[in-house]
Amino acid sequence: MRELVKATKALSDETRLRVLNLLAERECCVCEVMQALSITQTRASRNLAMLHDAGFLKLRKEGLWSLYSIDREMPGYLSDLVGAAGKVLKDDKAAASDRERLRAAQRVGPGCVGKLARVA
C-alpha cells in the first residue's frame, strides 16, 4: 500500500502531471522540462525526482545529460494511473501548449540554467 500512496501523491500535483505529459511525447533532460513549462531548474529537478522515486520514470545518463523518460516496465497499477492521466491530458489546452513548447525546447548544456535565466 505504501507504493500506491507514494504514486498517488506524486500525481496529485499539476506540475508533475505536466511533466508526465511532456515525457509521454519524448525523453527529456531537466533543461527541456524547464523551457517547456517555464519553471526553474530546482522545481523541474524536484518534480522529476519525485516522479522517478514513485516509479513512473526511468533515468538514463548520457555524458553530462540526465535524461528522463516514462518507465515502460513499471508495475501495471502505475501504468494504469499514467494511462488515465494521459487520457485527460490529451484534450487539455494547457497540456497541448506545453507539448508545443517542448517541440522548441533544446538541450543547451551544463550552463543552461544561466542561459535560460537571461532569456526569461
C-alpha atoms as a PDB file:
ATOM      1  CA  MET A   1       0.000   0.000   0.000  1.00  0.00           C
ATOM      2  CA  ARG A   2       2.931   2.361   0.683  1.00  0.00           C
ATOM      3  CA  GLU A   3       3.883   2.373  -3.018  1.00  0.00           C
ATOM      4  CA  LEU A   4       0.332   3.272  -4.077  1.00  0.00           C
ATOM      5  CA  VAL A   5       0.238   6.168  -1.614  1.00  0.00           C
ATOM      6  CA  LYS A   6       3.581   7.435  -2.936  1.00  0.00           C
ATOM      7  CA  ALA A   7       2.337   7.151  -6.528  1.00  0.00           C
ATOM      8  CA  THR A   8      -0.939   8.951  -5.934  1.00  0.00           C
ATOM      9  CA  LYS A   9       0.854  11.719  -4.015  1.00  0.00           C
ATOM     10  CA  ALA A  10       3.226  12.119  -6.957  1.00  0.00           C
ATOM     11  CA  LEU A  11       0.268  12.556  -9.312  1.00  0.00           C
ATOM     12  CA  SER A  12      -1.562  14.981  -7.033  1.00  0.00           C
ATOM     13  CA  ASP A  13       0.391  17.986  -8.320  1.00  0.00           C
ATOM     14  CA  GLU A  14      -0.295  19.933 -11.518  1.00  0.00           C
ATOM     15  CA  THR A  15       3.386  20.427 -12.339  1.00  0.00           C
ATOM     16  CA  ARG A  16       4.113  16.704 -12.086  1.00  0.00           C
ATOM     17  CA  LEU A  17       1.144  15.930 -14.336  1.00  0.00           C
ATOM     18  CA  ARG A  18       2.513  18.475 -16.827  1.00  0.00           C
ATOM     19  CA  VAL A  19       5.933  16.786 -16.641  1.00  0.00           C
ATOM     20  CA  LEU A  20       4.367  13.370 -17.360  1.00  0.00           C
ATOM     21  CA  ASN A  21       2.568  14.961 -20.301  1.00  0.00           C
ATOM     22  CA  LEU A  22       5.930  16.073 -21.746  1.00  0.00           C
ATOM     23  CA  LEU A  23       7.587  12.723 -21.158  1.00  0.00           C
ATOM     24  CA  ALA A  24       4.719  10.981 -22.928  1.00  0.00           C
ATOM     25  CA  GLU A  25       5.994  12.827 -26.019  1.00  0.00           C
ATOM     26  CA  ARG A  26       9.699  12.040 -25.642  1.00  0.00           C
ATOM     27  CA  GLU A  27      12.693  11.631 -23.379  1.00  0.00           C
ATOM     28  CA  CYS A  28      13.757  14.957 -21.820  1.00  0.00           C
ATOM     29  CA  CYS A  29      16.561  16.465 -19.812  1.00  0.00           C
ATOM     30  CA  VAL A  30      15.913  18.902 -16.979  1.00  0.00           C
ATOM     31  CA  CYS A  31      16.574  21.978 -19.129  1.00  0.00           C
ATOM     32  CA  GLU A  32      13.994  20.869 -21.723  1.00  0.00           C
ATOM     33  CA  VAL A  33      11.385  20.478 -18.973  1.00  0.00           C
ATOM     34  CA  MET A  34      12.349  23.925 -17.660  1.00  0.00           C
ATOM     35  CA  GLN A  35      11.852  25.504 -21.063  1.00  0.00           C
ATOM     36  CA  ALA A  36       8.589  23.757 -21.915  1.00  0.00           C
ATOM     37  CA  LEU A  37       6.969  24.514 -18.556  1.00  0.00           C
ATOM     38  CA  SER A  38       8.677  27.869 -17.874  1.00  0.00           C
ATOM     39  CA  ILE A  39       9.836  26.726 -14.436  1.00  0.00           C
ATOM     40  CA  THR A  40      13.123  26.906 -12.544  1.00  0.00           C
ATOM     41  CA  GLN A  41      15.781  24.211 -12.572  1.00  0.00           C
ATOM     42  CA  THR A  42      15.113  23.454  -8.906  1.00  0.00           C
ATOM     43  CA  ARG A  43      11.400  22.985  -9.482  1.00  0.00           C
ATOM     44  CA  ALA A  44      11.942  20.826 -12.578  1.00  0.00           C
ATOM     45  CA  SER A  45      14.522  18.638 -10.832  1.00  0.00           C
ATOM     46  CA  ARG A  46      12.439  18.239  -7.674  1.00  0.00           C
ATOM     47  CA  ASN A  47       9.345  17.163  -9.640  1.00  0.00           C
ATOM     48  CA  LEU A  48      11.295  14.792 -11.895  1.00  0.00           C
ATOM     49  CA  ALA A  49      12.891  13.231  -8.793  1.00  0.00           C
ATOM     50  CA  MET A  50       9.514  12.707  -7.134  1.00  0.00           C
ATOM     51  CA  LEU A  51       8.073  11.028 -10.230  1.00  0.00           C
ATOM     52  CA  HIS A  52      11.214   8.879 -10.531  1.00  0.00           C
ATOM     53  CA  ASP A  53      11.061   7.912  -6.856  1.00  0.00           C
ATOM     54  CA  ALA A  54       7.386   6.934  -7.227  1.00  0.00           C
ATOM     55  CA  GLY A  55       8.325   4.539 -10.037  1.00  0.00           C
ATOM     56  CA  PHE A  56       6.897   6.401 -13.046  1.00  0.00           C
ATOM     57  CA  LEU A  57      10.187   7.406 -14.675  1.00  0.00           C
ATOM     58  CA  LYS A  58      13.497   5.916 -15.601  1.00  0.00           C
ATOM     59  CA  LEU A  59      16.711   7.890 -15.627  1.00  0.00           C
ATOM     60  CA  ARG A  60      19.430   7.410 -18.215  1.00  0.00           C
ATOM     61  CA  LYS A  61      22.813   9.115 -18.126  1.00  0.00           C
ATOM     62  CA  GLU A  62      24.428  10.178 -21.380  1.00  0.00           C
ATOM     63  CA  GLY A  63      27.642  12.077 -20.757  1.00  0.00           C
ATOM     64  CA  LEU A  64      26.662  15.144 -18.745  1.00  0.00           C
ATOM     65  CA  TRP A  65      22.975  14.666 -19.510  1.00  0.00           C
ATOM     66  CA  SER A  66      20.432  13.136 -17.151  1.00  0.00           C
ATOM     67  CA  LEU A  67      17.615  12.010 -19.418  1.00  0.00           C
ATOM     68  CA  TYR A  68      14.185  11.096 -18.086  1.00  0.00           C
ATOM     69  CA  SER A  69      11.506   9.022 -19.764  1.00  0.00           C
ATOM     70  CA  ILE A  70       8.382   7.166 -18.755  1.00  0.00           C
ATOM     71  CA  ASP A  71       9.347   3.732 -17.483  1.00  0.00           C
ATOM     72  CA  ARG A  72       7.588   1.331 -19.846  1.00  0.00           C
ATOM     73  CA  GLU A  73       8.357  -1.534 -17.429  1.00  0.00           C
ATOM     74  CA  MET A  74       6.589  -0.015 -14.410  1.00  0.00           C
ATOM     75  CA  PRO A  75       4.106  -2.161 -12.491  1.00  0.00           C
ATOM     76  CA  GLY A  76       0.639  -2.455 -14.032  1.00  0.00           C
ATOM     77  CA  TYR A  77      -1.144  -0.284 -11.473  1.00  0.00           C
ATOM     78  CA  LEU A  78       1.319   2.577 -12.158  1.00  0.00           C
ATOM     79  CA  SER A  79       0.845   2.144 -15.884  1.00  0.00           C
ATOM     80  CA  ASP A  80      -2.923   2.340 -15.364  1.00  0.00           C
ATOM     81  CA  LEU A  81      -2.526   5.620 -13.454  1.00  0.00           C
ATOM     82  CA  VAL A  82      -0.316   7.093 -16.180  1.00  0.00           C
ATOM     83  CA  GLY A  83      -2.784   5.955 -18.824  1.00  0.00           C
ATOM     84  CA  ALA A  84      -5.709   7.577 -17.016  1.00  0.00           C
ATOM     85  CA  ALA A  85      -3.785  10.848 -16.633  1.00  0.00           C
ATOM     86  CA  GLY A  86      -2.777  10.707 -20.304  1.00  0.00           C
ATOM     87  CA  LYS A  87      -6.403  10.386 -21.436  1.00  0.00           C
ATOM     88  CA  VAL A  88      -7.321  13.573 -19.593  1.00  0.00           C
ATOM     89  CA  LEU A  89      -4.194  15.495 -20.659  1.00  0.00           C
ATOM     90  CA  LYS A  90      -4.638  14.575 -24.321  1.00  0.00           C
ATOM     91  CA  ASP A  91      -7.516  17.038 -24.680  1.00  0.00           C
ATOM     92  CA  ASP A  92      -6.329  19.651 -22.167  1.00  0.00           C
ATOM     93  CA  LYS A  93      -5.448  23.037 -23.712  1.00  0.00           C
ATOM     94  CA  ALA A  94      -2.659  23.830 -21.219  1.00  0.00           C
ATOM     95  CA  ALA A  95      -1.122  20.389 -21.768  1.00  0.00           C
ATOM     96  CA  ALA A  96      -1.257  20.944 -25.538  1.00  0.00           C
ATOM     97  CA  SER A  97       0.568  24.277 -25.095  1.00  0.00           C
ATOM     98  CA  ASP A  98       3.238  22.525 -23.008  1.00  0.00           C
ATOM     99  CA  ARG A  99       3.730  19.922 -25.745  1.00  0.00           C
ATOM    100  CA  GLU A 100       4.047  22.688 -28.349  1.00  0.00           C
ATOM    101  CA  ARG A 101       6.719  24.483 -26.292  1.00  0.00           C
ATOM    102  CA  LEU A 102       8.543  21.164 -25.881  1.00  0.00           C
ATOM    103  CA  ARG A 103       8.960  20.979 -29.651  1.00  0.00           C
ATOM    104  CA  ALA A 104      11.084  24.159 -29.484  1.00  0.00           C
ATOM    105  CA  ALA A 105      12.993  23.172 -26.308  1.00  0.00           C
ATOM    106  CA  GLN A 106      16.686  22.369 -26.675  1.00  0.00           C
ATOM    107  CA  ARG A 107      19.409  20.747 -24.648  1.00  0.00           C
ATOM    108  CA  VAL A 108      21.629  23.727 -24.110  1.00  0.00           C
ATOM    109  CA  GLY A 109      24.356  22.210 -21.963  1.00  0.00           C
ATOM    110  CA  PRO A 110      25.642  22.441 -18.400  1.00  0.00           C
ATOM    111  CA  GLY A 111      25.221  26.232 -18.445  1.00  0.00           C
ATOM    112  CA  CYS A 112      21.545  26.028 -19.409  1.00  0.00           C
ATOM    113  CA  VAL A 113      20.275  27.484 -16.117  1.00  0.00           C
ATOM    114  CA  GLY A 114      22.230  30.709 -16.550  1.00  0.00           C
ATOM    115  CA  LYS A 115      21.379  30.973 -20.251  1.00  0.00           C
ATOM    116  CA  LEU A 116      17.692  30.355 -19.617  1.00  0.00           C
ATOM    117  CA  ALA A 117      17.596  32.914 -16.810  1.00  0.00           C
ATOM    118  CA  ARG A 118      18.931  35.569 -19.194  1.00  0.00           C
ATOM    119  CA  VAL A 119      16.330  34.657 -21.846  1.00  0.00           C
ATOM    120  CA  ALA A 120      13.366  34.748 -19.431  1.00  0.00           C
END
